[in-house]
Amino acid sequence: MITAETKYLGKLRCSNVHLRSGAELITDAPIDNKGMGSSYSPTDLCALSLTTCIITTIAIYAEFKKIKVISIEGATTKKMANTPPRRIDSIDVTIHVKLPITFEDRVKTGIERAAHACPVSKSLHPEINQNVVVNFIQ
């Protein structure tokens, strides 16, 4: 089954429609690669996919372990390689997990393990440096 359909809109932009939900996402080439930078670039989405996958995996783990989580937030920084070929060199992800009470270290360790086991993390090329930090807020 097809997940999404993509149409080229011209001027290095694409419309991407998720078929199950109908949600649309526009992509644009970045300014440093002849685009307008008016939306996410494909490499932005790749980096962002790591962050959202980590957050989702933590939430699934917390639900399974019956850990109450007040909030999970993340920040993503993508760095491109300086030498050809054009590619992502590293993705820095900082995750903030707010818990209602102080949990044992084993709970935090479990959440950190879940963060590093997300499917996107395991799918990215090994030459992409993944710098993931999980901070706990009480």
C-alpha atoms as a PDB file:
ATOM      1  CA  MET A   1       0.000   0.000   0.000  1.00  0.00           C
ATOM      2  CA  ILE A   2       1.297   3.438  -0.943  1.00  0.00           C
ATOM      3  CA  THR A   3       2.029   5.655   2.072  1.00  0.00           C
ATOM      4  CA  ALA A   4       2.155   9.040   0.352  1.00  0.00           C
ATOM      5  CA  GLU A   5       1.921  10.650  -3.046  1.00  0.00           C
ATOM      6  CA  THR A   6       4.240  13.442  -4.134  1.00  0.00           C
ATOM      7  CA  LYS A   7       3.761  16.048  -6.857  1.00  0.00           C
ATOM      8  CA  TYR A   8       6.455  18.390  -8.078  1.00  0.00           C
ATOM      9  CA  LEU A   9       5.137  21.955  -7.903  1.00  0.00           C
ATOM     10  CA  GLY A  10       8.025  23.623  -9.702  1.00  0.00           C
ATOM     11  CA  LYS A  11      10.714  25.894  -8.282  1.00  0.00           C
ATOM     12  CA  LEU A  12      12.163  22.954  -6.272  1.00  0.00           C
ATOM     13  CA  ARG A  13       8.978  22.500  -4.207  1.00  0.00           C
ATOM     14  CA  CYS A  14       6.914  19.329  -3.712  1.00  0.00           C
ATOM     15  CA  SER A  15       3.466  18.637  -2.295  1.00  0.00           C
ATOM     16  CA  ASN A  16       3.337  15.417  -0.293  1.00  0.00           C
ATOM     17  CA  VAL A  17       0.002  13.919   0.734  1.00  0.00           C
ATOM     18  CA  HIS A  18      -0.288  11.194   3.353  1.00  0.00           C
ATOM     19  CA  LEU A  19      -2.937   8.955   1.797  1.00  0.00           C
ATOM     20  CA  ARG A  20      -4.460   7.549   4.968  1.00  0.00           C
ATOM     21  CA  SER A  21      -5.035  10.920   6.646  1.00  0.00           C
ATOM     22  CA  GLY A  22      -4.995  13.367   3.759  1.00  0.00           C
ATOM     23  CA  ALA A  23      -2.429  15.512   5.586  1.00  0.00           C
ATOM     24  CA  GLU A  24      -0.331  17.620   3.213  1.00  0.00           C
ATOM     25  CA  LEU A  25       3.285  18.640   3.694  1.00  0.00           C
ATOM     26  CA  ILE A  26       5.160  20.988   1.382  1.00  0.00           C
ATOM     27  CA  THR A  27       8.897  20.586   0.941  1.00  0.00           C
ATOM     28  CA  ASP A  28      11.286  23.122  -0.522  1.00  0.00           C
ATOM     29  CA  ALA A  29      14.952  23.033  -1.326  1.00  0.00           C
ATOM     30  CA  PRO A  30      17.018  25.011   1.191  1.00  0.00           C
ATOM     31  CA  ILE A  31      18.415  28.428   0.310  1.00  0.00           C
ATOM     32  CA  ASP A  32      21.967  27.049   0.219  1.00  0.00           C
ATOM     33  CA  ASN A  33      20.883  24.564  -2.470  1.00  0.00           C
ATOM     34  CA  LYS A  34      18.989  26.826  -4.894  1.00  0.00           C
ATOM     35  CA  GLY A  35      15.642  26.742  -3.076  1.00  0.00           C
ATOM     36  CA  MET A  36      13.538  29.391  -1.407  1.00  0.00           C
ATOM     37  CA  GLY A  37      13.767  27.807   2.048  1.00  0.00           C
ATOM     38  CA  SER A  38      10.040  28.418   2.509  1.00  0.00           C
ATOM     39  CA  SER A  39       9.353  25.041   4.116  1.00  0.00           C
ATOM     40  CA  TYR A  40      11.082  21.927   5.372  1.00  0.00           C
ATOM     41  CA  SER A  41      13.766  20.567   3.084  1.00  0.00           C
ATOM     42  CA  PRO A  42      13.953  16.804   2.569  1.00  0.00           C
ATOM     43  CA  THR A  43      17.014  16.654   4.825  1.00  0.00           C
ATOM     44  CA  ASP A  44      15.180  18.737   7.471  1.00  0.00           C
ATOM     45  CA  LEU A  45      12.438  16.102   7.437  1.00  0.00           C
ATOM     46  CA  CYS A  46      15.010  13.337   7.783  1.00  0.00           C
ATOM     47  CA  ALA A  47      16.482  14.995  10.868  1.00  0.00           C
ATOM     48  CA  LEU A  48      13.071  15.844  12.275  1.00  0.00           C
ATOM     49  CA  SER A  49      11.987  12.240  11.741  1.00  0.00           C
ATOM     50  CA  LEU A  50      14.676  11.184  14.201  1.00  0.00           C
ATOM     51  CA  THR A  51      13.358  13.564  16.867  1.00  0.00           C
ATOM     52  CA  THR A  52       9.699  12.676  16.390  1.00  0.00           C
ATOM     53  CA  CYS A  53      10.501   8.967  16.328  1.00  0.00           C
ATOM     54  CA  ILE A  54      12.462   9.261  19.581  1.00  0.00           C
ATOM     55  CA  ILE A  55       9.594  11.132  21.253  1.00  0.00           C
ATOM     56  CA  THR A  56       7.024   8.624  19.982  1.00  0.00           C
ATOM     57  CA  THR A  57       9.145   5.672  21.108  1.00  0.00           C
ATOM     58  CA  ILE A  58       9.566   7.191  24.582  1.00  0.00           C
ATOM     59  CA  ALA A  59       5.797   7.730  24.796  1.00  0.00           C
ATOM     60  CA  ILE A  60       5.111   4.119  23.761  1.00  0.00           C
ATOM     61  CA  TYR A  61       7.625   2.864  26.330  1.00  0.00           C
ATOM     62  CA  ALA A  62       6.152   5.061  29.083  1.00  0.00           C
ATOM     63  CA  GLU A  63       2.632   3.884  28.283  1.00  0.00           C
ATOM     64  CA  PHE A  64       3.734   0.226  28.289  1.00  0.00           C
ATOM     65  CA  LYS A  65       5.551   0.649  31.631  1.00  0.00           C
ATOM     66  CA  LYS A  66       2.699   2.778  33.076  1.00  0.00           C
ATOM     67  CA  ILE A  67       5.018   5.741  33.625  1.00  0.00           C
ATOM     68  CA  LYS A  68       3.107   9.010  33.812  1.00  0.00           C
ATOM     69  CA  VAL A  69       4.768  11.608  31.620  1.00  0.00           C
ATOM     70  CA  ILE A  70       3.693  15.246  31.863  1.00  0.00           C
ATOM     71  CA  SER A  71       5.400  16.333  28.646  1.00  0.00           C
ATOM     72  CA  ILE A  72       8.037  15.424  26.118  1.00  0.00           C
ATOM     73  CA  GLU A  73       9.634  18.120  23.971  1.00  0.00           C
ATOM     74  CA  GLY A  74      12.544  18.079  21.577  1.00  0.00           C
ATOM     75  CA  ALA A  75      14.893  20.282  19.610  1.00  0.00           C
ATOM     76  CA  THR A  76      16.583  19.233  16.363  1.00  0.00           C
ATOM     77  CA  THR A  77      19.761  20.567  14.777  1.00  0.00           C
ATOM     78  CA  LYS A  78      20.842  19.226  11.404  1.00  0.00           C
ATOM     79  CA  LYS A  79      24.378  19.786  10.151  1.00  0.00           C
ATOM     80  CA  MET A  80      25.272  19.185   6.532  1.00  0.00           C
ATOM     81  CA  ALA A  81      28.679  17.850   5.473  1.00  0.00           C
ATOM     82  CA  ASN A  82      31.119  20.466   4.185  1.00  0.00           C
ATOM     83  CA  THR A  83      32.510  18.199   1.484  1.00  0.00           C
ATOM     84  CA  PRO A  84      30.805  16.442  -1.442  1.00  0.00           C
ATOM     85  CA  PRO A  85      28.635  14.546  -1.741  1.00  0.00           C
ATOM     86  CA  ARG A  86      25.916  16.732  -0.227  1.00  0.00           C
ATOM     87  CA  ARG A  87      24.600  14.810   2.770  1.00  0.00           C
ATOM     88  CA  ILE A  88      23.656  15.076   6.429  1.00  0.00           C
ATOM     89  CA  ASP A  89      26.775  14.915   8.591  1.00  0.00           C
ATOM     90  CA  SER A  90      25.117  14.959  12.007  1.00  0.00           C
ATOM     91  CA  ILE A  91      21.822  15.324  13.785  1.00  0.00           C
ATOM     92  CA  ASP A  92      21.752  16.758  17.297  1.00  0.00           C
ATOM     93  CA  VAL A  93      18.606  15.983  19.263  1.00  0.00           C
ATOM     94  CA  THR A  94      17.811  17.243  22.734  1.00  0.00           C
ATOM     95  CA  ILE A  95      14.780  15.727  24.424  1.00  0.00           C
ATOM     96  CA  HIS A  96      13.183  17.098  27.600  1.00  0.00           C
ATOM     97  CA  VAL A  97      11.019  14.617  29.493  1.00  0.00           C
ATOM     98  CA  LYS A  98       8.944  16.071  32.320  1.00  0.00           C
ATOM     99  CA  LEU A  99       7.934  13.536  34.955  1.00  0.00           C
ATOM    100  CA  PRO A 100       5.493  14.287  37.782  1.00  0.00           C
ATOM    101  CA  ILE A 101       7.689  12.858  40.537  1.00  0.00           C
ATOM    102  CA  THR A 102      11.215  11.634  41.053  1.00  0.00           C
ATOM    103  CA  PHE A 103      11.595   8.200  39.520  1.00  0.00           C
ATOM    104  CA  GLU A 104      14.221   5.599  40.200  1.00  0.00           C
ATOM    105  CA  ASP A 105      17.299   5.652  37.983  1.00  0.00           C
ATOM    106  CA  ARG A 106      16.123   2.433  36.298  1.00  0.00           C
ATOM    107  CA  VAL A 107      13.047   4.261  34.959  1.00  0.00           C
ATOM    108  CA  LYS A 108      15.204   7.014  33.506  1.00  0.00           C
ATOM    109  CA  THR A 109      17.612   4.426  32.099  1.00  0.00           C
ATOM    110  CA  GLY A 110      14.694   2.645  30.420  1.00  0.00           C
ATOM    111  CA  ILE A 111      13.484   5.887  28.849  1.00  0.00           C
ATOM    112  CA  GLU A 112      16.998   6.671  27.594  1.00  0.00           C
ATOM    113  CA  ARG A 113      17.320   3.172  26.101  1.00  0.00           C
ATOM    114  CA  ALA A 114      13.974   3.607  24.369  1.00  0.00           C
ATOM    115  CA  ALA A 115      15.174   6.930  22.956  1.00  0.00           C
ATOM    116  CA  HIS A 116      18.220   5.291  21.393  1.00  0.00           C
ATOM    117  CA  ALA A 117      16.249   2.353  20.000  1.00  0.00           C
ATOM    118  CA  CYS A 118      13.754   4.178  17.810  1.00  0.00           C
ATOM    119  CA  PRO A 119      13.286   2.781  14.285  1.00  0.00           C
ATOM    120  CA  VAL A 120      14.527   5.927  12.525  1.00  0.00           C
ATOM    121  CA  SER A 121      17.731   5.861  14.554  1.00  0.00           C
ATOM    122  CA  LYS A 122      18.313   2.272  13.476  1.00  0.00           C
ATOM    123  CA  SER A 123      17.491   3.134   9.832  1.00  0.00           C
ATOM    124  CA  LEU A 124      19.837   6.086   9.314  1.00  0.00           C
ATOM    125  CA  HIS A 125      23.178   5.534   7.622  1.00  0.00           C
ATOM    126  CA  PRO A 126      25.907   4.785  10.184  1.00  0.00           C
ATOM    127  CA  GLU A 127      28.013   7.711   8.898  1.00  0.00           C
ATOM    128  CA  ILE A 128      25.383  10.150  10.184  1.00  0.00           C
ATOM    129  CA  ASN A 129      26.424  11.133  13.691  1.00  0.00           C
ATOM    130  CA  GLN A 130      23.421  10.976  16.002  1.00  0.00           C
ATOM    131  CA  ASN A 131      23.967  13.057  19.120  1.00  0.00           C
ATOM    132  CA  VAL A 132      20.966  12.401  21.341  1.00  0.00           C
ATOM    133  CA  VAL A 133      20.628  13.868  24.834  1.00  0.00           C
ATOM    134  CA  VAL A 134      17.682  13.122  27.114  1.00  0.00           C
ATOM    135  CA  ASN A 135      17.107  15.575  29.967  1.00  0.00           C
ATOM    136  CA  PHE A 136      14.683  14.864  32.778  1.00  0.00           C
ATOM    137  CA  ILE A 137      12.662  17.677  34.314  1.00  0.00           C
ATOM    138  CA  GLN A 138      10.724  17.354  37.547  1.00  0.00           C
END
